Protein backbone atom coordinates (compact mmCIF):
# COMPACT_ATOMS: atom_id res chain seq x y z
CA UNK A 1 36.44 -28.78 -33.30
CA UNK A 2 38.18 -31.28 -35.52
CA UNK A 3 37.92 -33.97 -32.85
CA UNK A 4 34.17 -33.38 -32.66
CA UNK A 5 33.97 -33.66 -36.44
CA UNK A 6 35.88 -36.95 -36.42
CA UNK A 7 33.86 -38.50 -33.60
CA UNK A 8 31.51 -41.30 -34.68
CA UNK A 9 28.85 -43.24 -32.79
CA UNK A 10 28.99 -46.97 -33.54
CA UNK A 11 25.96 -49.20 -33.17
CA UNK A 12 23.62 -51.38 -35.19
CA UNK A 13 21.17 -48.50 -35.55
CA UNK A 14 23.83 -45.82 -36.15
CA UNK A 15 26.72 -47.41 -38.05
CA UNK A 16 29.58 -44.90 -38.19
CA UNK A 17 27.24 -41.99 -37.49
CA UNK A 18 28.48 -38.40 -37.10
CA UNK A 19 27.14 -36.15 -34.36
CA UNK A 20 24.07 -34.17 -35.28
CA UNK A 21 24.13 -30.37 -35.04
CA UNK A 22 22.18 -30.56 -31.77
CA UNK A 23 24.64 -33.08 -30.31
CA UNK A 24 27.58 -30.89 -31.33
CA UNK A 25 26.01 -27.89 -29.61
CA UNK A 26 25.47 -29.89 -26.42
CA UNK A 27 29.11 -31.02 -26.41
CA UNK A 28 30.46 -27.53 -27.11
CA UNK A 29 28.38 -25.90 -24.39
CA UNK A 30 29.57 -28.49 -21.90
CA UNK A 31 33.21 -27.97 -22.93
CA UNK A 32 33.07 -24.24 -22.22
CA UNK A 33 31.70 -24.85 -18.73
CA UNK A 34 34.00 -27.62 -17.54
CA UNK A 35 37.73 -28.17 -17.25
CA UNK A 36 37.44 -31.30 -19.36
CA UNK A 37 34.90 -33.67 -20.87
CA UNK A 38 35.45 -37.39 -20.53
CA UNK A 39 33.90 -39.99 -22.81
CA UNK A 40 31.65 -41.16 -19.97
CA UNK A 41 30.40 -37.55 -19.58
CA UNK A 42 29.77 -37.36 -23.31
CA UNK A 43 27.75 -40.57 -23.17
CA UNK A 44 25.43 -39.12 -20.50
CA UNK A 45 25.19 -35.82 -22.35
CA UNK A 46 24.20 -37.47 -25.63
CA UNK A 47 21.96 -40.01 -23.84
CA UNK A 48 23.56 -42.98 -25.59
CA UNK A 49 22.49 -46.54 -24.93
CA UNK A 50 24.89 -49.12 -23.49
CA UNK A 51 25.19 -50.77 -26.91
CA UNK A 52 26.54 -47.63 -28.57
CA UNK A 53 30.29 -47.02 -28.72
CA UNK A 54 32.74 -44.22 -29.60
CA UNK A 55 34.93 -44.89 -32.62
CA UNK A 56 38.10 -43.45 -31.03
CA UNK A 57 38.16 -45.78 -28.04
CA UNK A 58 39.44 -49.31 -27.61
CA UNK A 59 36.97 -51.21 -25.44
CA UNK A 60 38.55 -53.82 -23.19
CA UNK A 61 35.99 -56.57 -22.57
CA UNK A 62 37.46 -57.26 -19.15
CA UNK A 63 36.54 -53.73 -18.01
CA UNK A 64 33.18 -52.09 -17.43
CA UNK A 65 31.77 -49.60 -19.93
CA UNK A 66 32.31 -46.77 -17.46
CA UNK A 67 35.94 -47.78 -16.89
CA UNK A 68 36.64 -47.97 -20.63
CA UNK A 69 35.25 -44.48 -21.09
CA UNK A 70 37.00 -42.94 -18.11
CA UNK A 71 39.34 -41.08 -20.49
CA UNK A 72 39.53 -37.43 -21.51
CA UNK A 73 37.73 -36.61 -24.75
CA UNK A 74 38.57 -32.90 -24.85
CA UNK A 75 39.97 -30.38 -22.41
CA UNK A 76 39.81 -26.58 -22.57
CA UNK A 77 41.47 -26.12 -19.21
CA UNK A 78 43.06 -22.78 -20.11
CA UNK A 79 39.85 -20.95 -20.97
CA UNK A 80 38.08 -22.67 -18.06
CA UNK A 81 40.66 -21.30 -15.61
CA UNK A 82 40.32 -17.80 -17.09
CA UNK A 83 36.52 -17.95 -16.83
CA UNK A 84 36.59 -19.14 -13.22
CA UNK A 85 39.06 -16.43 -12.28
CA UNK A 86 36.88 -13.76 -13.90
CA UNK A 87 33.88 -14.99 -11.93
CA UNK A 88 35.79 -15.02 -8.65
CA UNK A 89 37.15 -11.50 -9.16
CA UNK A 90 34.06 -9.83 -10.61
CA UNK A 91 30.75 -11.69 -10.47
CA UNK A 92 29.34 -15.13 -11.17
CA UNK A 93 28.36 -14.34 -14.77
CA UNK A 94 31.37 -12.13 -15.55
CA UNK A 95 32.78 -14.42 -18.24
CA UNK A 96 29.66 -14.02 -20.40
CA UNK A 97 30.36 -10.29 -20.69
CA UNK A 98 33.68 -10.88 -22.46
CA UNK A 99 34.11 -11.46 -26.17
CA UNK A 100 36.20 -14.25 -27.76
CA UNK A 101 38.88 -11.65 -28.61
CA UNK A 102 39.18 -10.88 -24.89
CA UNK A 103 40.03 -14.51 -24.14
CA UNK A 104 42.51 -14.47 -27.06
CA UNK A 105 44.12 -11.32 -25.64
CA UNK A 106 44.47 -12.71 -22.13
CA UNK A 107 45.77 -16.08 -23.35
CA UNK A 108 48.27 -14.33 -25.62
CA UNK A 109 49.57 -12.17 -22.78
CA UNK A 110 49.95 -15.12 -20.39
CA UNK A 111 51.70 -17.23 -23.04
CA UNK A 112 54.04 -14.73 -24.72
CA UNK A 113 55.08 -12.56 -21.79
CA UNK A 114 56.86 -14.07 -18.80
CA UNK A 115 57.50 -10.84 -16.93
CA UNK A 116 54.59 -9.67 -14.74
CA UNK A 117 55.09 -6.03 -15.68
CA UNK A 118 54.96 -6.83 -19.40
CA UNK A 119 51.68 -8.67 -18.82
CA UNK A 120 50.31 -5.72 -16.86
CA UNK A 121 51.33 -3.27 -19.59
CA UNK A 122 49.91 -5.42 -22.38
CA UNK A 123 46.54 -5.98 -20.69
CA UNK A 124 46.44 -2.28 -19.78
CA UNK A 125 46.89 -1.59 -23.51
CA UNK A 126 50.06 0.34 -22.70
CA UNK A 127 52.83 -2.08 -23.74
CA UNK A 128 56.01 -0.69 -25.31
CA UNK A 129 58.25 -3.15 -27.16
CA UNK A 130 62.05 -3.25 -27.27
CA UNK A 131 62.12 -0.78 -30.15
CA UNK A 132 60.23 1.79 -28.13
CA UNK A 133 57.03 1.30 -30.13
CA UNK A 134 53.69 1.11 -28.36
CA UNK A 135 51.86 -2.11 -29.18
CA UNK A 136 48.12 -2.32 -28.59
CA UNK A 137 46.69 -5.62 -27.41
CA UNK A 138 44.48 -7.78 -29.59
CA UNK A 139 41.25 -6.44 -28.10
CA UNK A 140 42.56 -2.85 -28.05
CA UNK A 141 41.15 -2.30 -24.58
CA UNK A 142 42.29 -1.76 -21.01
CA UNK A 143 41.26 -4.41 -18.50
CA UNK A 144 40.54 -3.72 -14.84
CA UNK A 145 43.60 -3.69 -12.59
CA UNK A 146 42.03 -6.15 -10.15
CA UNK A 147 41.48 -8.65 -12.97
CA UNK A 148 45.02 -8.19 -14.31
CA UNK A 149 46.55 -8.81 -10.89
CA UNK A 150 44.49 -11.97 -10.49
CA UNK A 151 45.49 -13.20 -13.96
CA UNK A 152 49.17 -13.00 -13.02
CA UNK A 153 48.60 -16.20 -11.04
CA UNK A 154 48.00 -18.09 -14.31
CA UNK A 155 50.68 -19.10 -16.77
CA UNK A 156 50.45 -20.70 -20.21
CA UNK A 157 53.43 -22.11 -22.06
CA UNK A 158 52.24 -23.85 -25.23
CA UNK A 159 51.27 -22.50 -28.64
CA UNK A 160 48.88 -24.09 -31.10
CA UNK A 161 50.11 -24.91 -34.60
CA UNK A 162 47.75 -22.37 -36.20
CA UNK A 163 47.75 -18.59 -36.03
CA UNK A 164 44.77 -16.62 -34.72
CA UNK A 165 44.19 -15.32 -38.24
CA UNK A 166 43.97 -18.86 -39.61
CA UNK A 167 41.74 -20.00 -36.74
CA UNK A 168 39.29 -17.14 -37.32
CA UNK A 169 38.98 -18.25 -40.94
CA UNK A 170 38.63 -21.94 -40.19
CA UNK A 171 36.31 -21.95 -37.17
CA UNK A 172 33.14 -20.80 -38.99
CA UNK A 173 33.41 -23.89 -41.21
CA UNK A 174 34.47 -26.29 -38.47
CA UNK A 175 31.61 -25.15 -36.22
CA UNK A 176 29.30 -26.56 -38.89
CA UNK A 177 30.94 -29.98 -38.56
CA UNK A 178 33.20 -29.64 -41.61
CA UNK A 179 36.45 -31.63 -41.14
CA UNK A 180 39.70 -29.72 -40.75
CA UNK A 181 41.16 -30.57 -44.18
CA UNK A 182 37.95 -29.50 -45.94
CA UNK A 183 37.74 -26.33 -43.85
CA UNK A 184 41.28 -25.47 -44.95
CA UNK A 185 40.27 -25.75 -48.60
CA UNK A 186 37.15 -23.65 -48.11
CA UNK A 187 39.16 -20.99 -46.27
CA UNK A 188 41.62 -20.79 -49.15
CA UNK A 189 44.44 -22.76 -47.56
CA UNK A 190 46.20 -25.62 -49.31
CA UNK A 191 46.15 -28.49 -46.86
CA UNK A 192 49.58 -30.16 -46.42
CA UNK A 193 51.04 -28.22 -49.35
CA UNK A 194 54.81 -27.93 -49.33
CA UNK A 195 55.65 -24.60 -50.95
CA UNK A 196 58.80 -24.51 -53.07
CA UNK A 197 59.62 -28.18 -52.50
CA UNK A 198 60.03 -30.63 -55.36
CA UNK A 199 59.08 -34.22 -54.71
CA UNK A 200 62.01 -36.62 -54.48
CA UNK A 201 62.18 -40.39 -54.51
CA UNK A 202 64.75 -40.57 -51.73
CA UNK A 203 65.11 -38.58 -48.50
CA UNK A 204 67.59 -35.69 -48.88
CA UNK A 205 70.82 -35.35 -46.92
CA UNK A 206 70.26 -34.35 -43.29
CA UNK A 207 71.45 -30.72 -42.74
CA UNK A 208 73.82 -31.61 -39.90
CA UNK A 209 74.98 -27.99 -39.63
CA UNK A 210 71.49 -26.97 -38.49
CA UNK A 211 71.33 -29.62 -35.74
CA UNK A 212 73.42 -28.82 -32.69
CA UNK A 213 73.13 -32.19 -30.99
CA UNK A 214 75.55 -34.63 -32.73
CA UNK A 215 73.68 -37.67 -31.39
CA UNK A 216 70.42 -36.45 -32.93
CA UNK A 217 72.18 -35.65 -36.21
CA UNK A 218 73.70 -39.14 -36.38
CA UNK A 219 70.39 -40.81 -35.49
CA UNK A 220 68.58 -38.93 -38.25
CA UNK A 221 71.36 -39.71 -40.72
CA UNK A 222 71.21 -43.45 -39.95
CA UNK A 223 67.40 -43.42 -40.15
CA UNK A 224 67.64 -41.76 -43.56
CA UNK A 225 70.01 -44.49 -44.79
CA UNK A 226 67.66 -47.25 -43.64
CA UNK A 227 64.57 -45.64 -45.20
CA UNK A 228 66.35 -44.91 -48.48
CA UNK A 229 67.60 -48.52 -48.53
CA UNK A 230 64.01 -49.77 -48.15
CA UNK A 231 62.81 -47.42 -50.92
CA UNK A 232 65.54 -48.57 -53.32
CA UNK A 233 64.64 -52.21 -52.78
CA UNK A 234 60.86 -52.17 -52.35
CA UNK A 235 59.74 -48.77 -53.62
CA UNK A 236 58.17 -45.84 -51.78
CA UNK A 237 56.00 -46.74 -48.77
CA UNK A 238 52.42 -45.60 -48.67
CA UNK A 239 52.74 -44.43 -45.04
CA UNK A 240 55.53 -43.93 -42.55
CA UNK A 241 54.55 -44.02 -38.89
CA UNK A 242 56.93 -42.17 -36.57
CA UNK A 243 56.81 -43.24 -32.93
CA UNK A 244 58.26 -40.79 -30.42
CA UNK A 245 59.43 -41.58 -26.91
CA UNK A 246 56.40 -39.81 -25.47
CA UNK A 247 55.36 -42.90 -23.51
CA UNK A 248 58.22 -42.25 -21.10
CA UNK A 249 56.51 -39.08 -19.95
CA UNK A 250 53.30 -40.91 -19.10
CA UNK A 251 52.51 -41.98 -15.52
CA UNK A 252 53.63 -45.49 -14.58
CA UNK A 253 50.06 -46.75 -14.20
CA UNK A 254 49.16 -45.56 -17.71
CA UNK A 255 52.31 -47.11 -19.22
CA UNK A 256 51.52 -50.37 -17.42
CA UNK A 257 47.95 -50.38 -18.83
CA UNK A 258 49.26 -49.66 -22.34
CA UNK A 259 51.69 -52.56 -22.09
CA UNK A 260 48.95 -54.85 -20.77
CA UNK A 261 46.58 -53.89 -23.61
CA UNK A 262 49.33 -54.47 -26.19
CA UNK A 263 49.99 -57.95 -24.79
CA UNK A 264 46.25 -58.75 -24.92
CA UNK A 265 46.01 -57.54 -28.54
CA UNK A 266 49.02 -59.62 -29.57
CA UNK A 267 47.55 -62.72 -27.91
CA UNK A 268 44.21 -62.20 -29.68
CA UNK A 269 45.95 -61.69 -33.01
CA UNK A 270 47.95 -64.89 -32.58
CA UNK A 271 44.77 -66.80 -31.67
CA UNK A 272 42.96 -65.50 -34.76
CA UNK A 273 46.00 -66.30 -36.87
CA UNK A 274 45.95 -69.85 -35.57
CA UNK A 275 42.25 -70.22 -36.45
CA UNK A 276 42.87 -68.93 -39.98
CA UNK A 277 45.70 -71.35 -40.66
CA UNK A 278 43.74 -74.20 -39.07
CA UNK A 279 40.86 -73.62 -41.50
């Protein structure tokens, strides 16, 4: 939702224009019926002209418009897989008979429980925890055995950074196109608030006792010294950008393209710099 709210259409006629309510509805409906939506799909869906651009993309002039937009905009692969499985087990329109809480229940079971019997018990609304207490599932209903057995073929491993309770409060605002930080305020949450923490000029000592890996502890300690040295000499920075080694997990072709684009950007910057100094 937040990515839809942040998306802008750039053109002479629509400078930095947000999606209209109708355009948001089109995009959302498409998302729930496909594994993913790419920027090129979004262009066709919104019937954009060739002169219009998406604000979140870098357009390489050496590539075609279609090639530049051959990137994933949003993916709801998990819910898509659940929907397709429901339709294959029951009927073609089976997914429309289930409520959002049913998808939450199934996703929760497949993410939290790794034992097939625990998943069966939870989706049968008959799960008993380690303390011997019966725990009802989120939907408080028993699902068909044939559906449960089919769902065992799926597996989720990642959690979002928000609870279901928080999401249920935020979504009504975000569905209207309200940005995430504003939705938090309207829902009664304090965006980016650090509870019980006093602001300090310098970074505090790294709690080495809480970090098991000595290499990580030393790296963080040295980073702290460098940052604090910069603060003492130049004052507090407005922003700190933290780059992780996530590029190493990308496919070789994607890393190669990233490197190529960076080289092109540097060359353009140097050319512009030369023009500025020349004038």
